[in-house]
Amino acid sequence: MRDSPSMSLHLHAGVDTWYGPRAEECTSELTRAQQAMHRAADELDDQACRYEAHADELVAVALRAERAERAAAEEQR
């Protein structure tokens, strides 16, 4: 998302391109949209980190269960 072409539109929305009330309104809307995209990307990164941490916990639990199962099987031999 951060590398989306829409994130560089502000380079083409300045006074070199056009000016006036509509241009200012467009630039303001563009700025708000880009800020919203940055916030969404940050939220997705945070959620991905939480999912990765949870996945690591699940792997650790599975490994402990596997070891316990092996140990119980060894004791029965």
Protein backbone atom coordinates (compact mmCIF):
# COMPACT_ATOMS: atom_id res chain seq x y z
CA MET A 1 0.00 0.00 0.00
CA ARG A 2 2.76 2.40 0.86
CA ASP A 3 4.33 1.93 -2.57
CA SER A 4 1.06 2.35 -4.44
CA PRO A 5 1.16 4.86 -7.32
CA SER A 6 -1.61 6.77 -5.53
CA MET A 7 0.88 7.67 -2.82
CA SER A 8 2.82 9.85 -5.27
CA LEU A 9 -0.17 11.72 -6.70
CA HIS A 10 0.62 14.71 -4.52
CA LEU A 11 3.63 15.31 -6.78
CA HIS A 12 1.21 16.15 -9.58
CA ALA A 13 -1.35 18.14 -7.59
CA GLY A 14 0.65 21.24 -6.71
CA VAL A 15 0.52 24.79 -8.00
CA ASP A 16 2.75 23.81 -10.93
CA THR A 17 -0.12 21.69 -12.25
CA TRP A 18 -3.13 23.85 -11.42
CA TYR A 19 -4.39 26.29 -8.82
CA GLY A 20 -7.56 27.69 -7.39
CA PRO A 21 -10.26 26.53 -5.00
CA ARG A 22 -10.84 23.20 -6.77
CA ALA A 23 -7.12 22.47 -6.81
CA GLU A 24 -6.84 23.23 -3.09
CA GLU A 25 -9.86 21.03 -2.38
CA CYS A 26 -8.37 18.22 -4.44
CA THR A 27 -5.03 18.54 -2.65
CA SER A 28 -6.75 18.47 0.75
CA GLU A 29 -8.78 15.39 -0.14
CA LEU A 30 -5.70 13.71 -1.53
CA THR A 31 -3.77 14.45 1.65
CA ARG A 32 -6.56 13.01 3.80
CA ALA A 33 -6.78 9.90 1.63
CA GLN A 34 -3.02 9.36 1.78
CA GLN A 35 -3.03 9.78 5.56
CA ALA A 36 -5.85 7.24 5.81
CA MET A 37 -3.84 4.81 3.68
CA HIS A 38 -0.80 5.26 5.93
CA ARG A 39 -2.94 4.60 9.01
CA ALA A 40 -4.48 1.51 7.39
CA ALA A 41 -1.04 0.20 6.42
CA ASP A 42 0.19 0.75 9.99
CA GLU A 43 -2.85 -1.08 11.37
CA LEU A 44 -2.26 -3.97 8.97
CA ASP A 45 1.41 -4.15 10.02
CA ASP A 46 0.38 -4.21 13.69
CA GLN A 47 -2.19 -6.95 13.05
CA ALA A 48 0.36 -8.98 11.07
CA CYS A 49 2.80 -8.76 13.99
CA ARG A 50 0.10 -9.96 16.38
CA TYR A 51 -0.75 -12.86 14.05
CA GLU A 52 2.91 -13.81 13.74
CA ALA A 53 3.35 -13.75 17.51
CA HIS A 54 0.25 -15.89 17.96
CA ALA A 55 1.49 -18.32 15.30
CA ASP A 56 4.83 -18.59 17.12
CA GLU A 57 2.97 -19.38 20.34
CA LEU A 58 0.92 -22.07 18.59
CA VAL A 59 4.05 -23.65 17.14
CA ALA A 60 5.64 -23.70 20.60
CA VAL A 61 2.54 -25.35 22.08
CA ALA A 62 2.50 -27.95 19.30
CA LEU A 63 6.19 -28.72 19.83
CA ARG A 64 5.69 -29.13 23.59
CA ALA A 65 2.73 -31.45 22.97
CA GLU A 66 4.76 -33.48 20.48
CA ARG A 67 7.64 -33.82 22.95
CA ALA A 68 5.28 -34.85 25.73
CA GLU A 69 3.67 -37.42 23.45
CA ARG A 70 7.08 -38.86 22.54
CA ALA A 71 8.11 -38.95 26.18
CA ALA A 72 4.91 -40.80 27.12
CA ALA A 73 5.47 -43.27 24.30
CA GLU A 74 9.05 -43.86 25.48
CA GLU A 75 7.86 -44.52 29.03
CA GLN A 76 5.43 -47.17 27.79
CA ARG A 77 8.23 -49.11 26.07
